[in-house]
Amino acid sequence: MTSDRISSDPTFSALVPDLSRLMTGRRCLMYNAAFDRGVLERELCRHFHSTARAQTWLSCRPSGRACGQLIDASTATSPSVAPTK
């Protein structure tokens, strides 16, 4: 990945509205949830300029409505989301 290759790609902040809409009512399966959540939290803090708003988004309740569910695939126990080993 080079700066030239990604220079015309949208920023994370430009993608937040679409990401929020796509996550509403859905599960987000992550293979390495600790890492992925950390990256999301960092970028959301930069986007919102607020740790509290980033935490609200990550808790899947933006604007008081149900959002998605963040699931770690390595520890998932739901029958619909089997862990991969």
PDB file of N, CA and C in Angstrom:
ATOM      1  N   MET A   1       0.847  -1.160   0.000  1.00  0.00           N
ATOM      2  CA  MET A   1       0.000   0.000   0.000  1.00  0.00           C
ATOM      3  C   MET A   1       0.899   1.231   0.000  1.00  0.00           C
ATOM      4  N   THR A   2       0.645   2.124  -0.898  1.00  0.00           N
ATOM      5  CA  THR A   2       1.439   3.344  -0.988  1.00  0.00           C
ATOM      6  C   THR A   2       0.528   4.564  -0.885  1.00  0.00           C
ATOM      7  N   SER A   3       1.114   5.692  -0.547  1.00  0.00           N
ATOM      8  CA  SER A   3       0.344   6.933  -0.464  1.00  0.00           C
ATOM      9  C   SER A   3      -0.293   7.270  -1.803  1.00  0.00           C
ATOM     10  N   ASP A   4       0.448   7.054  -2.887  1.00  0.00           N
ATOM     11  CA  ASP A   4      -0.101   7.342  -4.218  1.00  0.00           C
ATOM     12  C   ASP A   4      -1.330   6.492  -4.518  1.00  0.00           C
ATOM     13  N   ARG A   5      -1.273   5.253  -4.099  1.00  0.00           N
ATOM     14  CA  ARG A   5      -2.378   4.327  -4.396  1.00  0.00           C
ATOM     15  C   ARG A   5      -3.653   4.694  -3.645  1.00  0.00           C
ATOM     16  N   ILE A   6      -3.514   5.199  -2.438  1.00  0.00           N
ATOM     17  CA  ILE A   6      -4.707   5.484  -1.626  1.00  0.00           C
ATOM     18  C   ILE A   6      -5.068   6.964  -1.559  1.00  0.00           C
ATOM     19  N   SER A   7      -4.309   7.822  -2.220  1.00  0.00           N
ATOM     20  CA  SER A   7      -4.530   9.263  -2.104  1.00  0.00           C
ATOM     21  C   SER A   7      -5.917   9.709  -2.558  1.00  0.00           C
ATOM     22  N   SER A   8      -6.528   8.984  -3.468  1.00  0.00           N
ATOM     23  CA  SER A   8      -7.858   9.385  -3.950  1.00  0.00           C
ATOM     24  C   SER A   8      -8.988   8.632  -3.248  1.00  0.00           C
ATOM     25  N   ASP A   9      -8.649   7.747  -2.314  1.00  0.00           N
ATOM     26  CA  ASP A   9      -9.673   7.002  -1.575  1.00  0.00           C
ATOM     27  C   ASP A   9     -10.322   7.891  -0.519  1.00  0.00           C
ATOM     28  N   PRO A  10     -11.577   7.596  -0.160  1.00  0.00           N
ATOM     29  CA  PRO A  10     -12.243   8.412   0.863  1.00  0.00           C
ATOM     30  C   PRO A  10     -11.604   8.218   2.235  1.00  0.00           C
ATOM     31  N   THR A  11     -11.712   9.223   3.067  1.00  0.00           N
ATOM     32  CA  THR A  11     -11.217   9.129   4.441  1.00  0.00           C
ATOM     33  C   THR A  11     -12.203   8.304   5.267  1.00  0.00           C
ATOM     34  N   PHE A  12     -11.743   7.868   6.433  1.00  0.00           N
ATOM     35  CA  PHE A  12     -12.626   7.129   7.336  1.00  0.00           C
ATOM     36  C   PHE A  12     -13.834   7.986   7.699  1.00  0.00           C
ATOM     37  N   SER A  13     -13.609   9.257   7.986  1.00  0.00           N
ATOM     38  CA  SER A  13     -14.710  10.152   8.353  1.00  0.00           C
ATOM     39  C   SER A  13     -15.769  10.230   7.258  1.00  0.00           C
ATOM     40  N   ALA A  14     -15.340  10.179   6.016  1.00  0.00           N
ATOM     41  CA  ALA A  14     -16.304  10.210   4.915  1.00  0.00           C
ATOM     42  C   ALA A  14     -17.133   8.932   4.863  1.00  0.00           C
ATOM     43  N   LEU A  15     -16.595   7.846   5.413  1.00  0.00           N
ATOM     44  CA  LEU A  15     -17.284   6.555   5.383  1.00  0.00           C
ATOM     45  C   LEU A  15     -18.175   6.298   6.603  1.00  0.00           C
ATOM     46  N   VAL A  16     -18.003   7.085   7.677  1.00  0.00           N
ATOM     47  CA  VAL A  16     -18.754   6.841   8.917  1.00  0.00           C
ATOM     48  C   VAL A  16     -20.272   6.828   8.703  1.00  0.00           C
ATOM     49  N   PRO A  17     -20.870   7.771   7.982  1.00  0.00           N
ATOM     50  CA  PRO A  17     -22.329   7.710   7.797  1.00  0.00           C
ATOM     51  C   PRO A  17     -22.786   6.413   7.116  1.00  0.00           C
ATOM     52  N   ASP A  18     -22.070   5.990   6.079  1.00  0.00           N
ATOM     53  CA  ASP A  18     -22.436   4.738   5.403  1.00  0.00           C
ATOM     54  C   ASP A  18     -22.194   3.542   6.309  1.00  0.00           C
ATOM     55  N   LEU A  19     -21.086   3.550   7.032  1.00  0.00           N
ATOM     56  CA  LEU A  19     -20.781   2.452   7.948  1.00  0.00           C
ATOM     57  C   LEU A  19     -21.846   2.351   9.033  1.00  0.00           C
ATOM     58  N   SER A  20     -22.270   3.486   9.565  1.00  0.00           N
ATOM     59  CA  SER A  20     -23.323   3.496  10.589  1.00  0.00           C
ATOM     60  C   SER A  20     -24.622   2.925  10.033  1.00  0.00           C
ATOM     61  N   ARG A  21     -24.967   3.342   8.827  1.00  0.00           N
ATOM     62  CA  ARG A  21     -26.198   2.844   8.197  1.00  0.00           C
ATOM     63  C   ARG A  21     -26.098   1.345   7.944  1.00  0.00           C
ATOM     64  N   LEU A  22     -24.962   0.879   7.457  1.00  0.00           N
ATOM     65  CA  LEU A  22     -24.790  -0.540   7.152  1.00  0.00           C
ATOM     66  C   LEU A  22     -24.766  -1.407   8.407  1.00  0.00           C
ATOM     67  N   MET A  23     -24.274  -0.863   9.521  1.00  0.00           N
ATOM     68  CA  MET A  23     -24.190  -1.626  10.771  1.00  0.00           C
ATOM     69  C   MET A  23     -25.516  -1.708  11.517  1.00  0.00           C
ATOM     70  N   THR A  24     -26.440  -0.821  11.228  1.00  0.00           N
ATOM     71  CA  THR A  24     -27.693  -0.781  11.972  1.00  0.00           C
ATOM     72  C   THR A  24     -28.414  -2.121  11.876  1.00  0.00           C
ATOM     73  N   GLY A  25     -28.602  -2.745  13.032  1.00  0.00           N
ATOM     74  CA  GLY A  25     -29.324  -4.007  13.113  1.00  0.00           C
ATOM     75  C   GLY A  25     -28.562  -5.222  12.626  1.00  0.00           C
ATOM     76  N   ARG A  26     -27.269  -5.095  12.411  1.00  0.00           N
ATOM     77  CA  ARG A  26     -26.485  -6.203  11.888  1.00  0.00           C
ATOM     78  C   ARG A  26     -25.354  -6.576  12.833  1.00  0.00           C
ATOM     79  N   ARG A  27     -24.815  -7.766  12.627  1.00  0.00           N
ATOM     80  CA  ARG A  27     -23.640  -8.215  13.364  1.00  0.00           C
ATOM     81  C   ARG A  27     -22.403  -7.911  12.538  1.00  0.00           C
ATOM     82  N   CYS A  28     -21.359  -7.531  13.210  1.00  0.00           N
ATOM     83  CA  CYS A  28     -20.075  -7.311  12.563  1.00  0.00           C
ATOM     84  C   CYS A  28     -19.119  -8.348  13.111  1.00  0.00           C
ATOM     85  N   LEU A  29     -18.736  -9.276  12.287  1.00  0.00           N
ATOM     86  CA  LEU A  29     -17.845 -10.358  12.695  1.00  0.00           C
ATOM     87  C   LEU A  29     -16.403  -9.919  12.505  1.00  0.00           C
ATOM     88  N   MET A  30     -15.636 -10.005  13.581  1.00  0.00           N
ATOM     89  CA  MET A  30     -14.228  -9.604  13.548  1.00  0.00           C
ATOM     90  C   MET A  30     -13.377 -10.804  13.916  1.00  0.00           C
ATOM     91  N   TYR A  31     -12.295 -10.982  13.219  1.00  0.00           N
ATOM     92  CA  TYR A  31     -11.415 -12.102  13.559  1.00  0.00           C
ATOM     93  C   TYR A  31     -10.542 -11.771  14.758  1.00  0.00           C
ATOM     94  N   ASN A  32     -10.038 -10.568  14.804  1.00  0.00           N
ATOM     95  CA  ASN A  32      -9.190 -10.129  15.910  1.00  0.00           C
ATOM     96  C   ASN A  32      -9.849  -8.893  16.524  1.00  0.00           C
ATOM     97  N   ALA A  33     -10.886  -9.106  17.300  1.00  0.00           N
ATOM     98  CA  ALA A  33     -11.733  -8.018  17.781  1.00  0.00           C
ATOM     99  C   ALA A  33     -10.964  -6.972  18.590  1.00  0.00           C
ATOM    100  N   ALA A  34     -10.000  -7.378  19.390  1.00  0.00           N
ATOM    101  CA  ALA A  34      -9.254  -6.398  20.186  1.00  0.00           C
ATOM    102  C   ALA A  34      -8.533  -5.410  19.278  1.00  0.00           C
ATOM    103  N   PHE A  35      -7.897  -5.909  18.234  1.00  0.00           N
ATOM    104  CA  PHE A  35      -7.203  -5.035  17.287  1.00  0.00           C
ATOM    105  C   PHE A  35      -8.212  -4.198  16.504  1.00  0.00           C
ATOM    106  N   ASP A  36      -9.230  -4.858  15.925  1.00  0.00           N
ATOM    107  CA  ASP A  36     -10.208  -4.161  15.090  1.00  0.00           C
ATOM    108  C   ASP A  36     -10.950  -3.090  15.873  1.00  0.00           C
ATOM    109  N   ARG A  37     -11.345  -3.424  17.090  1.00  0.00           N
ATOM    110  CA  ARG A  37     -12.053  -2.448  17.918  1.00  0.00           C
ATOM    111  C   ARG A  37     -11.141  -1.270  18.244  1.00  0.00           C
ATOM    112  N   GLY A  38      -9.871  -1.544  18.493  1.00  0.00           N
ATOM    113  CA  GLY A  38      -8.914  -0.471  18.771  1.00  0.00           C
ATOM    114  C   GLY A  38      -8.768   0.481  17.592  1.00  0.00           C
ATOM    115  N   VAL A  39      -8.678  -0.076  16.388  1.00  0.00           N
ATOM    116  CA  VAL A  39      -8.577   0.752  15.193  1.00  0.00           C
ATOM    117  C   VAL A  39      -9.855   1.571  15.016  1.00  0.00           C
ATOM    118  N   LEU A  40     -11.014   0.911  15.173  1.00  0.00           N
ATOM    119  CA  LEU A  40     -12.281   1.633  15.054  1.00  0.00           C
ATOM    120  C   LEU A  40     -12.376   2.748  16.087  1.00  0.00           C
ATOM    121  N   GLU A  41     -12.008   2.437  17.328  1.00  0.00           N
ATOM    122  CA  GLU A  41     -12.096   3.444  18.389  1.00  0.00           C
ATOM    123  C   GLU A  41     -11.197   4.639  18.080  1.00  0.00           C
ATOM    124  N   ARG A  42      -9.965   4.384  17.651  1.00  0.00           N
ATOM    125  CA  ARG A  42      -9.039   5.471  17.327  1.00  0.00           C
ATOM    126  C   ARG A  42      -9.602   6.357  16.205  1.00  0.00           C
ATOM    127  N   GLU A  43     -10.091   5.719  15.146  1.00  0.00           N
ATOM    128  CA  GLU A  43     -10.618   6.489  14.013  1.00  0.00           C
ATOM    129  C   GLU A  43     -11.908   7.217  14.361  1.00  0.00           C
ATOM    130  N   LEU A  44     -12.756   6.594  15.181  1.00  0.00           N
ATOM    131  CA  LEU A  44     -13.991   7.262  15.605  1.00  0.00           C
ATOM    132  C   LEU A  44     -13.696   8.453  16.512  1.00  0.00           C
ATOM    133  N   CYS A  45     -12.684   8.334  17.370  1.00  0.00           N
ATOM    134  CA  CYS A  45     -12.279   9.474  18.210  1.00  0.00           C
ATOM    135  C   CYS A  45     -11.801  10.622  17.337  1.00  0.00           C
ATOM    136  N   ARG A  46     -11.047  10.296  16.296  1.00  0.00           N
ATOM    137  CA  ARG A  46     -10.585  11.336  15.370  1.00  0.00           C
ATOM    138  C   ARG A  46     -11.768  11.950  14.628  1.00  0.00           C
ATOM    139  N   HIS A  47     -12.721  11.120  14.219  1.00  0.00           N
ATOM    140  CA  HIS A  47     -13.889  11.602  13.476  1.00  0.00           C
ATOM    141  C   HIS A  47     -14.773  12.502  14.340  1.00  0.00           C
ATOM    142  N   PHE A  48     -15.122  12.022  15.522  1.00  0.00           N
ATOM    143  CA  PHE A  48     -16.050  12.755  16.393  1.00  0.00           C
ATOM    144  C   PHE A  48     -15.359  13.815  17.250  1.00  0.00           C
ATOM    145  N   HIS A  49     -14.027  13.773  17.347  1.00  0.00           N
ATOM    146  CA  HIS A  49     -13.279  14.659  18.254  1.00  0.00           C
ATOM    147  C   HIS A  49     -13.781  14.479  19.682  1.00  0.00           C
ATOM    148  N   SER A  50     -14.166  13.231  20.001  1.00  0.00           N
ATOM    149  CA  SER A  50     -14.740  12.954  21.317  1.00  0.00           C
ATOM    150  C   SER A  50     -14.646  11.464  21.611  1.00  0.00           C
ATOM    151  N   THR A  51     -14.005  11.140  22.732  1.00  0.00           N
ATOM    152  CA  THR A  51     -13.933   9.738  23.152  1.00  0.00           C
ATOM    153  C   THR A  51     -15.318   9.223  23.525  1.00  0.00           C
ATOM    154  N   ALA A  52     -16.112  10.065  24.179  1.00  0.00           N
ATOM    155  CA  ALA A  52     -17.453   9.652  24.604  1.00  0.00           C
ATOM    156  C   ALA A  52     -18.327   9.291  23.396  1.00  0.00           C
ATOM    157  N   ARG A  53     -18.299  10.095  22.351  1.00  0.00           N
ATOM    158  CA  ARG A  53     -19.108   9.802  21.158  1.00  0.00           C
ATOM    159  C   ARG A  53     -18.604   8.559  20.449  1.00  0.00           C
ATOM    160  N   ALA A  54     -17.281   8.355  20.440  1.00  0.00           N
ATOM    161  CA  ALA A  54     -16.724   7.136  19.843  1.00  0.00           C
ATOM    162  C   ALA A  54     -17.186   5.916  20.623  1.00  0.00           C
ATOM    163  N   GLN A  55     -17.171   6.010  21.953  1.00  0.00           N
ATOM    164  CA  GLN A  55     -17.616   4.895  22.793  1.00  0.00           C
ATOM    165  C   GLN A  55     -19.104   4.607  22.573  1.00  0.00           C
ATOM    166  N   THR A  56     -19.906   5.653  22.412  1.00  0.00           N
ATOM    167  CA  THR A  56     -21.329   5.465  22.143  1.00  0.00           C
ATOM    168  C   THR A  56     -21.522   4.722  20.831  1.00  0.00           C
ATOM    169  N   TRP A  57     -20.794   5.114  19.803  1.00  0.00           N
ATOM    170  CA  TRP A  57     -20.894   4.446  18.500  1.00  0.00           C
ATOM    171  C   TRP A  57     -20.488   2.983  18.639  1.00  0.00           C
ATOM    172  N   LEU A  58     -19.379   2.733  19.352  1.00  0.00           N
ATOM    173  CA  LEU A  58     -18.896   1.365  19.521  1.00  0.00           C
ATOM    174  C   LEU A  58     -19.830   0.513  20.370  1.00  0.00           C
ATOM    175  N   SER A  59     -20.588   1.147  21.247  1.00  0.00           N
ATOM    176  CA  SER A  59     -21.518   0.378  22.073  1.00  0.00           C
ATOM    177  C   SER A  59     -22.779   0.045  21.289  1.00  0.00           C
ATOM    178  N   CYS A  60     -22.781   0.458  20.011  1.00  0.00           N
ATOM    179  CA  CYS A  60     -23.856   0.113  19.069  1.00  0.00           C
ATOM    180  C   CYS A  60     -25.178   0.774  19.397  1.00  0.00           C
ATOM    181  N   ARG A  61     -25.115   1.986  19.923  1.00  0.00           N
ATOM    182  CA  ARG A  61     -26.329   2.737  20.164  1.00  0.00           C
ATOM    183  C   ARG A  61     -26.205   4.164  19.668  1.00  0.00           C
ATOM    184  N   PRO A  62     -25.743   4.389  18.438  1.00  0.00           N
ATOM    185  CA  PRO A  62     -25.655   5.779  17.987  1.00  0.00           C
ATOM    186  C   PRO A  62     -27.028   6.421  17.912  1.00  0.00           C
ATOM    187  N   SER A  63     -27.120   7.620  18.354  1.00  0.00           N
ATOM    188  CA  SER A  63     -28.372   8.393  18.333  1.00  0.00           C
ATOM    189  C   SER A  63     -29.508   7.690  19.068  1.00  0.00           C
ATOM    190  N   GLY A  64     -29.171   6.826  20.028  1.00  0.00           N
ATOM    191  CA  GLY A  64     -30.196   6.171  20.831  1.00  0.00           C
ATOM    192  C   GLY A  64     -30.917   5.025  20.152  1.00  0.00           C
ATOM    193  N   ARG A  65     -30.519   4.657  18.946  1.00  0.00           N
ATOM    194  CA  ARG A  65     -31.203   3.540  18.295  1.00  0.00           C
ATOM    195  C   ARG A  65     -30.263   2.345  18.200  1.00  0.00           C
ATOM    196  N   ALA A  66     -30.830   1.191  18.103  1.00  0.00           N
ATOM    197  CA  ALA A  66     -30.023  -0.027  18.042  1.00  0.00           C
ATOM    198  C   ALA A  66     -29.141  -0.012  16.812  1.00  0.00           C
ATOM    199  N   CYS A  67     -27.923  -0.430  16.990  1.00  0.00           N
ATOM    200  CA  CYS A  67     -26.991  -0.511  15.864  1.00  0.00           C
ATOM    201  C   CYS A  67     -26.665  -1.976  15.658  1.00  0.00           C
ATOM    202  N   GLY A  68     -25.466  -2.243  15.257  1.00  0.00           N
ATOM    203  CA  GLY A  68     -25.046  -3.616  15.033  1.00  0.00           C
ATOM    204  C   GLY A  68     -24.454  -4.208  16.287  1.00  0.00           C
ATOM    205  N   GLN A  69     -23.873  -5.361  16.125  1.00  0.00           N
ATOM    206  CA  GLN A  69     -23.274  -6.087  17.224  1.00  0.00           C
ATOM    207  C   GLN A  69     -21.875  -6.466  16.795  1.00  0.00           C
ATOM    208  N   LEU A  70     -20.854  -6.142  17.601  1.00  0.00           N
ATOM    209  CA  LEU A  70     -19.483  -6.494  17.275  1.00  0.00           C
ATOM    210  C   LEU A  70     -19.182  -7.850  17.893  1.00  0.00           C
ATOM    211  N   ILE A  71     -18.778  -8.811  17.079  1.00  0.00           N
ATOM    212  CA  ILE A  71     -18.555 -10.175  17.543  1.00  0.00           C
ATOM    213  C   ILE A  71     -17.146 -10.609  17.201  1.00  0.00           C
ATOM    214  N   ASP A  72     -16.431 -11.153  18.176  1.00  0.00           N
ATOM    215  CA  ASP A  72     -15.093 -11.688  17.951  1.00  0.00           C
ATOM    216  C   ASP A  72     -15.238 -13.126  17.461  1.00  0.00           C
ATOM    217  N   ALA A  73     -14.852 -13.385  16.230  1.00  0.00           N
ATOM    218  CA  ALA A  73     -15.011 -14.711  15.632  1.00  0.00           C
ATOM    219  C   ALA A  73     -14.202 -15.766  16.363  1.00  0.00           C
ATOM    220  N   SER A  74     -13.124 -15.365  17.011  1.00  0.00           N
ATOM    221  CA  SER A  74     -12.291 -16.358  17.687  1.00  0.00           C
ATOM    222  C   SER A  74     -12.903 -16.840  18.997  1.00  0.00           C
ATOM    223  N   THR A  75     -13.912 -16.118  19.518  1.00  0.00           N
ATOM    224  CA  THR A  75     -14.524 -16.526  20.781  1.00  0.00           C
ATOM    225  C   THR A  75     -16.038 -16.668  20.680  1.00  0.00           C
ATOM    226  N   ALA A  76     -16.594 -16.497  19.487  1.00  0.00           N
ATOM    227  CA  ALA A  76     -18.052 -16.523  19.309  1.00  0.00           C
ATOM    228  C   ALA A  76     -18.610 -17.884  19.689  1.00  0.00           C
ATOM    229  N   THR A  77     -19.742 -17.877  20.392  1.00  0.00           N
ATOM    230  CA  THR A  77     -20.379 -19.122  20.767  1.00  0.00           C
ATOM    231  C   THR A  77     -21.783 -19.250  20.218  1.00  0.00           C
ATOM    232  N   SER A  78     -22.261 -18.206  19.572  1.00  0.00           N
ATOM    233  CA  SER A  78     -23.591 -18.256  18.973  1.00  0.00           C
ATOM    234  C   SER A  78     -23.628 -19.324  17.888  1.00  0.00           C
ATOM    235  N   PRO A  79     -24.696 -20.139  17.825  1.00  0.00           N
ATOM    236  CA  PRO A  79     -24.753 -21.160  16.789  1.00  0.00           C
ATOM    237  C   PRO A  79     -24.709 -20.580  15.383  1.00  0.00           C
ATOM    238  N   SER A  80     -25.159 -19.339  15.214  1.00  0.00           N
ATOM    239  CA  SER A  80     -25.154 -18.734  13.892  1.00  0.00           C
ATOM    240  C   SER A  80     -23.782 -18.160  13.538  1.00  0.00           C
ATOM    241  N   VAL A  81     -22.888 -18.077  14.538  1.00  0.00           N
ATOM    242  CA  VAL A  81     -21.559 -17.545  14.279  1.00  0.00           C
ATOM    243  C   VAL A  81     -20.549 -18.472  14.958  1.00  0.00           C
ATOM    244  N   ALA A  82     -20.166 -19.501  14.266  1.00  0.00           N
ATOM    245  CA  ALA A  82     -19.244 -20.484  14.827  1.00  0.00           C
ATOM    246  C   ALA A  82     -17.816 -19.954  14.793  1.00  0.00           C
ATOM    247  N   PRO A  83     -17.044 -20.204  15.839  1.00  0.00           N
ATOM    248  CA  PRO A  83     -15.656 -19.764  15.821  1.00  0.00           C
ATOM    249  C   PRO A  83     -14.858 -20.516  14.767  1.00  0.00           C
ATOM    250  N   THR A  84     -13.864 -19.851  14.229  1.00  0.00           N
ATOM    251  CA  THR A  84     -12.992 -20.504  13.257  1.00  0.00           C
ATOM    252  C   THR A  84     -11.664 -20.792  13.922  1.00  0.00           C
ATOM    253  N   LYS A  85     -11.174 -21.972  13.759  1.00  0.00           N
ATOM    254  CA  LYS A  85      -9.896 -22.361  14.387  1.00  0.00           C
ATOM    255  C   LYS A  85      -8.989 -22.941  13.335  1.00  0.00           C
TER     256      LYS A  85
END
